[in-house]
Amino acid sequence: MSTLATPAPDTTAAPLRIGPHTVAPPVVLAPMAGITNAPFRTLCREFSGGKGLFVSEMITTRALVERNEKTMQLIHFDATETPRSIQLYGVDPVTVGKAVRMIAEEDLADHIDLNFGCPVPKVTRKGGGSALPYKRNLLRAIVREAVTGAGDLPVTMKMRKGLDDDHLTYLDAGRIAVEEGVTAIALHGRTTAQHYGGTADWDAIARLKEHVPEIPVLGNGDIWCADDALRMVRETGCDGVVVGRGCLGRPWLFADLVAAFEGRTDAFVRPTLREVADVMVRHATLLGEWIGDEARGVIDFRKHVAWYLKGFAVGSEMRKRLAITSSLEALRAGLDELDLDQPWPTGADGPRGRTSGNNRVVLPDGWLKDPYDCAGIGEDAELDTSGG
């Protein structure tokens, strides 16, 4: 792929330590439901040269303990993935503890990340994801069970600022994490109410870093290009970055991130449409191989089409056609009809993915009455499926 020379960046982040694992440069792929499965992680890891940390999509603890068939597929790692990183979602300390012990005892992963950041209603209405840190005692109980059950495996957690600007939880949650033995914390600089709208609050990341200097703090939110990552580290003092929507349809962003943190000025990837098309076909192929069915793989790939083609001159009818293909042959044939010599479009490094904000936060009845009481939360609140 073609590259673009850039000014020498100011690289200030040291290698990140996650338990026994060194992550250098300190770059992490954010868990994204329905996105960060094994095929997408493979693409990102290939572009990064194997550098960084690539986390699985969200795995629900109940589904894992019950050995749900879909969930067991989602926790499959390629032989080249190291460290193997699983993100867990749970609201019941007992179930979370069982899932973590299962991972440790059966050697299913090398690192466990706890999800306290998901803002979607189907999760928060159960008291999970970004809703959970409001209940301080419940958060502590879950983290304690996870760290205890993990044994030698490092446990990290990802969270948001809070439910909304009137119910911020991230500083309390950070202190609980330190006290219970969490190895590192990632903070998305938005509230649950913001979802993915507005601008991420990087000042909150800086405040969290000052509040919990004992462990690494990773920043997440509005990293659309490698320069954004360097700027976040420089402005907040965080120990690393977590990249989510910025890499949608752009797995080569991890090549840029590695180059930026290593101070290489001539290695930013600017692919032509031909090179993007080749990556698209490879992505769909990997999905088919992973699922075990070419058609299902291509169908699963459809949601990525618009992200890959962002900014390129592709007519609306062709975009629709490519988004309903069900075979690799049809996908390749459609791509071959495009002007594949188009250069990387100006502005394509900007925001992508979901941008909705100012959402009503859906919570269990009475959730806000007491930030410490966690009565009524049990196994029935656990989701029974994983992923997107």
Protein backbone atom coordinates (compact mmCIF):
# COMPACT_ATOMS: atom_id res chain seq x y z
CA MET A 1 0.00 0.00 0.00
CA SER A 2 1.12 3.55 -0.64
CA THR A 3 2.38 5.66 2.24
CA LEU A 4 2.43 9.34 3.08
CA ALA A 5 5.33 11.19 4.67
CA THR A 6 4.40 13.11 7.80
CA PRO A 7 6.28 15.35 10.20
CA ALA A 8 8.19 13.55 12.94
CA PRO A 9 5.64 13.00 15.73
CA ASP A 10 6.15 13.67 19.41
CA THR A 11 6.05 10.15 20.83
CA THR A 12 5.79 10.19 24.60
CA ALA A 13 4.20 6.86 25.57
CA ALA A 14 6.31 4.08 27.04
CA PRO A 15 5.43 0.42 26.43
CA LEU A 16 2.27 -0.60 28.25
CA ARG A 17 2.40 -3.36 30.88
CA ILE A 18 -0.68 -5.56 31.21
CA GLY A 19 0.36 -8.04 33.86
CA PRO A 20 3.17 -10.10 32.33
CA HIS A 21 2.44 -8.75 28.85
CA THR A 22 4.22 -5.82 27.24
CA VAL A 23 2.16 -3.90 24.69
CA ALA A 24 4.45 -1.81 22.53
CA PRO A 25 3.45 0.54 21.17
CA PRO A 26 0.61 1.07 23.70
CA VAL A 27 -2.23 0.63 21.21
CA VAL A 28 -5.36 -1.44 21.87
CA LEU A 29 -8.21 -2.44 19.55
CA ALA A 30 -11.46 -1.67 21.35
CA PRO A 31 -13.93 -4.54 21.70
CA MET A 32 -16.82 -3.88 19.32
CA ALA A 33 -19.83 -6.19 19.14
CA GLY A 34 -20.16 -7.86 15.76
CA ILE A 35 -16.89 -6.29 14.58
CA THR A 36 -13.80 -7.43 16.47
CA ASN A 37 -14.16 -11.12 15.75
CA ALA A 38 -11.17 -13.27 14.82
CA PRO A 39 -11.11 -12.26 11.10
CA PHE A 40 -11.08 -8.52 11.81
CA ARG A 41 -8.48 -8.94 14.55
CA THR A 42 -6.35 -10.87 12.06
CA LEU A 43 -6.45 -7.98 9.57
CA CYS A 44 -5.61 -5.37 12.19
CA ARG A 45 -2.80 -7.49 13.60
CA GLU A 46 -1.33 -8.09 10.15
CA PHE A 47 -1.21 -4.38 9.42
CA SER A 48 0.36 -3.67 12.82
CA GLY A 49 3.04 -6.26 12.30
CA GLY A 50 1.75 -8.14 15.33
CA LYS A 51 2.23 -5.14 17.63
CA GLY A 52 -0.51 -3.94 19.97
CA LEU A 53 -3.34 -5.64 21.85
CA PHE A 54 -6.47 -6.84 20.06
CA VAL A 55 -9.50 -7.58 22.22
CA SER A 56 -12.38 -9.90 21.34
CA GLU A 57 -15.91 -8.65 20.97
CA MET A 58 -18.04 -8.71 24.10
CA ILE A 59 -18.57 -12.15 25.66
CA THR A 60 -21.40 -12.50 28.16
CA THR A 61 -20.44 -14.43 31.25
CA ARG A 62 -23.69 -16.37 31.40
CA ALA A 63 -23.34 -17.54 27.80
CA LEU A 64 -19.74 -18.57 28.43
CA VAL A 65 -20.56 -20.53 31.57
CA GLU A 66 -23.40 -22.27 29.74
CA ARG A 67 -21.05 -22.96 26.81
CA ASN A 68 -23.37 -21.36 24.30
CA GLU A 69 -22.35 -22.51 20.80
CA LYS A 70 -22.06 -19.00 19.33
CA THR A 71 -20.08 -17.81 22.32
CA MET A 72 -17.63 -20.70 22.14
CA GLN A 73 -16.96 -19.75 18.51
CA LEU A 74 -16.43 -16.11 19.46
CA ILE A 75 -13.71 -16.99 21.97
CA HIS A 76 -11.72 -18.87 19.35
CA PHE A 77 -8.33 -17.29 18.77
CA ASP A 78 -6.01 -17.70 15.82
CA ALA A 79 -2.81 -19.57 16.67
CA THR A 80 -0.82 -16.39 16.00
CA GLU A 81 -2.78 -14.23 18.47
CA THR A 82 -0.79 -13.37 21.55
CA PRO A 83 -1.77 -12.34 24.08
CA ARG A 84 -5.27 -13.73 23.70
CA SER A 85 -7.63 -11.10 25.06
CA ILE A 86 -11.29 -11.63 26.02
CA GLN A 87 -13.75 -8.94 27.06
CA LEU A 88 -16.43 -10.11 29.49
CA TYR A 89 -19.82 -8.60 30.24
CA GLY A 90 -21.67 -9.54 33.41
CA VAL A 91 -23.86 -8.12 36.16
CA ASP A 92 -23.88 -10.98 38.65
CA PRO A 93 -20.66 -11.41 40.66
CA VAL A 94 -21.18 -15.16 41.02
CA THR A 95 -21.60 -15.70 37.28
CA VAL A 96 -18.68 -13.42 36.49
CA GLY A 97 -16.53 -15.38 38.92
CA LYS A 98 -17.50 -18.70 37.30
CA ALA A 99 -16.69 -17.37 33.83
CA VAL A 100 -13.31 -16.01 34.84
CA ARG A 101 -12.33 -19.23 36.59
CA MET A 102 -13.39 -21.17 33.49
CA ILE A 103 -11.13 -19.01 31.33
CA ALA A 104 -8.21 -19.42 33.71
CA GLU A 105 -8.60 -23.13 34.36
CA GLU A 106 -9.18 -24.06 30.71
CA ASP A 107 -6.51 -21.70 29.34
CA LEU A 108 -8.98 -19.89 27.11
CA ALA A 109 -7.22 -16.50 27.19
CA ASP A 110 -4.19 -14.63 28.50
CA HIS A 111 -5.97 -11.42 29.51
CA ILE A 112 -9.48 -10.53 30.67
CA ASP A 113 -11.13 -7.14 30.15
CA LEU A 114 -14.35 -6.27 31.99
CA ASN A 115 -17.02 -4.33 30.09
CA PHE A 116 -18.41 -1.38 32.03
CA GLY A 117 -18.69 0.86 28.99
CA CYS A 118 -21.43 -0.44 26.69
CA PRO A 119 -24.24 2.18 26.41
CA VAL A 120 -26.87 0.28 24.42
CA PRO A 121 -30.32 -0.06 26.05
CA LYS A 122 -30.47 -3.87 25.94
CA VAL A 123 -27.41 -3.86 28.20
CA THR A 124 -28.07 -0.88 30.47
CA ARG A 125 -31.69 -1.82 31.15
CA LYS A 126 -30.27 -4.94 32.84
CA GLY A 127 -27.92 -2.81 34.91
CA GLY A 128 -24.90 -3.83 32.86
CA GLY A 129 -22.28 -2.10 30.79
CA SER A 130 -21.97 1.62 31.47
CA ALA A 131 -24.91 1.52 33.91
CA LEU A 132 -23.14 -0.73 36.36
CA PRO A 133 -20.45 1.55 37.86
CA TYR A 134 -23.20 3.70 39.39
CA LYS A 135 -23.71 0.84 41.87
CA ARG A 136 -20.36 1.09 43.62
CA ASN A 137 -20.71 -2.00 45.80
CA LEU A 138 -21.84 -4.13 42.87
CA LEU A 139 -18.91 -2.92 40.81
CA ARG A 140 -16.53 -3.78 43.63
CA ALA A 141 -18.05 -7.25 44.06
CA ILE A 142 -17.75 -8.05 40.35
CA VAL A 143 -14.19 -6.79 40.06
CA ARG A 144 -13.18 -8.67 43.21
CA GLU A 145 -14.65 -11.94 41.92
CA ALA A 146 -12.94 -11.45 38.55
CA VAL A 147 -9.50 -10.66 39.95
CA THR A 148 -9.70 -13.50 42.47
CA GLY A 149 -10.90 -16.02 39.91
CA ALA A 150 -8.36 -14.98 37.28
CA GLY A 151 -5.37 -16.15 39.29
CA ASP A 152 -2.27 -15.10 37.36
CA LEU A 153 -4.25 -13.67 34.43
CA PRO A 154 -4.32 -9.85 34.35
CA VAL A 155 -7.74 -8.21 34.60
CA THR A 156 -8.44 -4.78 33.12
CA MET A 157 -11.67 -2.80 32.75
CA LYS A 158 -13.19 -0.37 30.27
CA MET A 159 -15.71 2.23 31.34
CA ARG A 160 -17.34 5.57 30.54
CA LYS A 161 -17.46 8.82 32.50
CA GLY A 162 -20.84 7.95 33.97
CA LEU A 163 -24.53 7.80 33.15
CA ASP A 164 -24.76 11.51 32.31
CA ASP A 165 -23.20 14.74 33.46
CA ASP A 166 -25.21 14.60 36.71
CA HIS A 167 -24.18 11.03 37.51
CA LEU A 168 -20.44 10.75 36.90
CA THR A 169 -18.80 7.59 38.23
CA TYR A 170 -15.38 7.27 36.65
CA LEU A 171 -13.26 8.55 39.54
CA ASP A 172 -14.98 6.31 42.10
CA ALA A 173 -14.78 3.38 39.69
CA GLY A 174 -11.09 4.02 39.10
CA ARG A 175 -10.36 3.96 42.82
CA ILE A 176 -12.33 0.72 43.25
CA ALA A 177 -10.38 -0.82 40.38
CA VAL A 178 -7.06 0.03 42.02
CA GLU A 179 -8.16 -1.28 45.41
CA GLU A 180 -9.40 -4.57 43.94
CA GLY A 181 -6.30 -5.35 41.88
CA VAL A 182 -7.21 -4.32 38.33
CA THR A 183 -4.12 -4.06 36.13
CA ALA A 184 -5.20 -1.15 33.91
CA ILE A 185 -8.25 1.00 33.14
CA ALA A 186 -9.55 2.32 29.83
CA LEU A 187 -11.82 5.36 29.88
CA HIS A 188 -14.09 6.37 27.01
CA GLY A 189 -14.50 10.11 27.47
CA ARG A 190 -18.27 10.09 27.00
CA THR A 191 -21.27 9.36 29.21
CA THR A 192 -23.91 6.71 28.58
CA ALA A 193 -26.33 9.45 27.50
CA GLN A 194 -23.90 10.64 24.85
CA HIS A 195 -23.56 7.19 23.29
CA TYR A 196 -21.20 8.12 20.42
CA GLY A 197 -22.33 11.69 19.86
CA GLY A 198 -20.63 14.97 20.57
CA THR A 199 -16.96 15.22 21.44
CA ALA A 200 -15.06 12.91 23.76
CA ASP A 201 -13.92 14.59 26.97
CA TRP A 202 -10.17 14.08 27.02
CA ASP A 203 -9.89 16.20 30.16
CA ALA A 204 -11.67 13.40 32.03
CA ILE A 205 -8.96 11.00 30.88
CA ALA A 206 -6.34 13.35 32.31
CA ARG A 207 -8.23 13.62 35.61
CA LEU A 208 -8.50 9.86 35.90
CA LYS A 209 -4.77 9.49 35.26
CA GLU A 210 -4.08 11.95 38.09
CA HIS A 211 -6.59 10.16 40.34
CA VAL A 212 -5.15 6.64 39.93
CA PRO A 213 -1.43 7.01 39.26
CA GLU A 214 -0.87 3.47 40.57
CA ILE A 215 -1.98 1.74 37.36
CA PRO A 216 -1.97 2.50 33.62
CA VAL A 217 -4.85 4.55 32.23
CA LEU A 218 -5.78 4.21 28.57
CA GLY A 219 -7.74 6.85 26.68
CA ASN A 220 -10.58 6.13 24.28
CA GLY A 221 -12.72 8.41 22.15
CA ASP A 222 -12.28 10.41 18.93
CA ILE A 223 -9.07 8.79 17.74
CA TRP A 224 -9.61 8.97 13.99
CA CYS A 225 -5.97 8.99 12.88
CA ALA A 226 -2.52 8.29 14.28
CA ASP A 227 -1.92 11.97 15.02
CA ASP A 228 -5.00 11.95 17.26
CA ALA A 229 -3.51 9.11 19.29
CA LEU A 230 -0.25 10.96 19.84
CA ARG A 231 -2.12 14.12 20.75
CA MET A 232 -4.27 12.27 23.29
CA VAL A 233 -1.19 10.88 25.03
CA ARG A 234 0.50 14.26 24.97
CA GLU A 235 -2.52 16.21 26.26
CA THR A 236 -3.82 13.77 28.88
CA GLY A 237 -0.72 11.95 30.08
CA CYS A 238 -2.49 8.61 29.51
CA ASP A 239 -0.42 5.48 29.16
CA GLY A 240 -1.92 4.26 25.90
CA VAL A 241 -4.88 4.48 23.54
CA VAL A 242 -7.89 2.34 22.76
CA VAL A 243 -9.14 2.67 19.18
CA GLY A 244 -12.68 1.74 18.16
CA ARG A 245 -14.73 3.39 15.41
CA GLY A 246 -11.65 4.97 13.81
CA CYS A 247 -10.59 1.60 12.38
CA LEU A 248 -13.98 0.62 10.92
CA GLY A 249 -13.32 -0.16 7.27
CA ARG A 250 -9.72 0.83 7.91
CA PRO A 251 -7.73 -1.94 9.63
CA TRP A 252 -4.53 -0.38 8.27
CA LEU A 253 -4.98 2.38 10.87
CA PHE A 254 -2.96 0.09 13.13
CA ALA A 255 -0.03 0.34 10.74
CA ASP A 256 -0.28 4.13 11.08
CA LEU A 257 -0.48 3.93 14.87
CA VAL A 258 2.58 1.73 15.13
CA ALA A 259 4.51 3.99 12.75
CA ALA A 260 3.52 7.11 14.68
CA PHE A 261 4.52 5.78 18.07
CA GLU A 262 7.79 4.47 16.64
CA GLY A 263 8.57 7.85 15.09
CA ARG A 264 8.63 6.64 11.48
CA THR A 265 7.71 9.58 9.28
CA ASP A 266 7.17 7.83 5.95
CA ALA A 267 4.93 4.90 6.79
CA PHE A 268 1.35 6.19 7.01
CA VAL A 269 -0.87 4.06 4.79
CA ARG A 270 -2.87 5.80 2.04
CA PRO A 271 -4.32 2.99 -0.06
CA THR A 272 -5.79 3.32 -3.51
CA LEU A 273 -9.29 1.97 -4.05
CA ARG A 274 -7.70 -1.08 -5.69
CA GLU A 275 -5.81 -1.83 -2.48
CA VAL A 276 -8.92 -1.21 -0.40
CA ALA A 277 -10.88 -3.60 -2.63
CA ASP A 278 -8.28 -6.31 -2.07
CA VAL A 279 -8.60 -5.87 1.69
CA MET A 280 -12.39 -6.03 1.42
CA VAL A 281 -12.27 -9.35 -0.42
CA ARG A 282 -9.74 -10.73 2.06
CA HIS A 283 -11.92 -9.62 4.98
CA ALA A 284 -14.98 -11.33 3.50
CA THR A 285 -12.93 -14.44 2.74
CA LEU A 286 -11.65 -14.67 6.31
CA LEU A 287 -15.20 -14.29 7.63
CA GLY A 288 -16.41 -17.14 5.42
CA GLU A 289 -13.56 -19.38 6.55
CA TRP A 290 -14.22 -18.52 10.19
CA ILE A 291 -17.97 -19.12 9.95
CA GLY A 292 -17.52 -22.15 7.74
CA ASP A 293 -19.78 -20.86 4.97
CA GLU A 294 -18.78 -18.44 2.19
CA ALA A 295 -22.25 -16.94 1.72
CA ARG A 296 -22.73 -16.30 5.43
CA GLY A 297 -19.28 -14.75 5.59
CA VAL A 298 -20.05 -12.34 2.75
CA ILE A 299 -23.43 -11.50 4.31
CA ASP A 300 -21.72 -10.75 7.61
CA PHE A 301 -19.27 -8.56 5.72
CA ARG A 302 -22.02 -6.36 4.25
CA LYS A 303 -22.02 -3.97 7.22
CA HIS A 304 -18.37 -3.13 6.49
CA VAL A 305 -18.90 -2.08 2.86
CA ALA A 306 -19.85 1.56 3.50
CA TRP A 307 -16.96 2.02 5.93
CA TYR A 308 -14.39 0.72 3.46
CA LEU A 309 -15.75 2.86 0.62
CA LYS A 310 -16.07 6.07 2.67
CA GLY A 311 -14.93 9.06 0.61
CA PHE A 312 -14.37 7.20 -2.66
CA ALA A 313 -16.35 8.08 -5.79
CA VAL A 314 -18.75 5.14 -5.85
CA GLY A 315 -22.32 5.64 -7.01
CA SER A 316 -25.24 4.97 -4.71
CA GLU A 317 -26.56 2.12 -6.85
CA MET A 318 -23.20 0.35 -6.80
CA ARG A 319 -22.93 0.87 -3.04
CA LYS A 320 -26.34 -0.76 -2.62
CA ARG A 321 -25.37 -3.61 -4.92
CA LEU A 322 -22.15 -4.31 -3.05
CA ALA A 323 -24.06 -4.21 0.25
CA ILE A 324 -26.37 -7.06 -0.80
CA THR A 325 -23.84 -9.44 -2.30
CA SER A 326 -23.78 -13.02 -1.00
CA SER A 327 -20.74 -14.51 -2.74
CA LEU A 328 -17.08 -13.65 -3.05
CA GLU A 329 -17.40 -13.79 -6.83
CA ALA A 330 -20.18 -11.18 -6.84
CA LEU A 331 -18.29 -8.97 -4.40
CA ARG A 332 -15.10 -9.10 -6.48
CA ALA A 333 -17.00 -8.56 -9.73
CA GLY A 334 -18.75 -5.48 -8.37
CA LEU A 335 -15.52 -4.01 -7.04
CA ASP A 336 -13.80 -4.60 -10.38
CA GLU A 337 -16.35 -2.33 -12.08
CA LEU A 338 -15.14 0.64 -10.01
CA ASP A 339 -12.40 3.08 -10.89
CA LEU A 340 -9.85 1.24 -8.80
CA ASP A 341 -7.07 3.72 -9.49
CA GLN A 342 -8.69 6.33 -7.23
CA PRO A 343 -6.25 7.59 -4.59
CA TRP A 344 -7.08 7.70 -0.88
CA PRO A 345 -9.70 10.45 -0.61
CA THR A 346 -9.13 13.67 1.29
CA GLY A 347 -11.06 13.65 4.55
CA ALA A 348 -11.52 9.88 4.74
CA ASP A 349 -9.48 9.79 7.94
CA GLY A 350 -12.26 11.56 9.83
CA PRO A 351 -15.13 10.26 11.98
CA ARG A 352 -16.92 7.09 10.98
CA GLY A 353 -19.43 4.74 12.54
CA ARG A 354 -22.23 5.64 14.93
CA THR A 355 -22.56 9.28 15.97
CA SER A 356 -25.94 9.45 17.75
CA GLY A 357 -26.01 11.30 21.05
CA ASN A 358 -28.26 12.76 23.77
CA ASN A 359 -30.06 9.47 24.26
CA ARG A 360 -32.35 8.60 27.14
CA VAL A 361 -30.49 6.26 29.45
CA VAL A 362 -32.49 3.08 29.99
CA LEU A 363 -31.97 1.68 33.48
CA PRO A 364 -33.62 -0.89 35.78
CA ASP A 365 -36.46 0.50 37.90
CA GLY A 366 -35.17 2.42 40.89
CA TRP A 367 -31.54 2.19 39.75
CA LEU A 368 -30.73 5.78 40.75
CA LYS A 369 -32.23 5.66 44.24
CA ASP A 370 -29.06 4.43 45.94
CA PRO A 371 -25.58 4.34 44.36
CA TYR A 372 -24.50 1.59 46.74
CA ASP A 373 -27.44 -0.78 47.14
CA CYS A 374 -27.39 -3.60 44.59
CA ALA A 375 -30.35 -5.67 45.74
CA GLY A 376 -32.29 -7.37 43.00
CA ILE A 377 -29.36 -8.01 40.69
CA GLY A 378 -28.80 -11.68 40.00
CA GLU A 379 -28.41 -14.33 37.35
CA ASP A 380 -31.70 -13.38 35.66
CA ALA A 381 -30.12 -10.04 34.70
CA GLU A 382 -27.38 -11.74 32.72
CA LEU A 383 -27.63 -11.65 28.92
CA ASP A 384 -27.63 -15.12 27.38
CA THR A 385 -25.91 -14.28 24.08
CA SER A 386 -22.59 -12.75 23.12
CA GLY A 387 -21.41 -10.42 20.39
CA GLY A 388 -23.47 -8.33 17.99
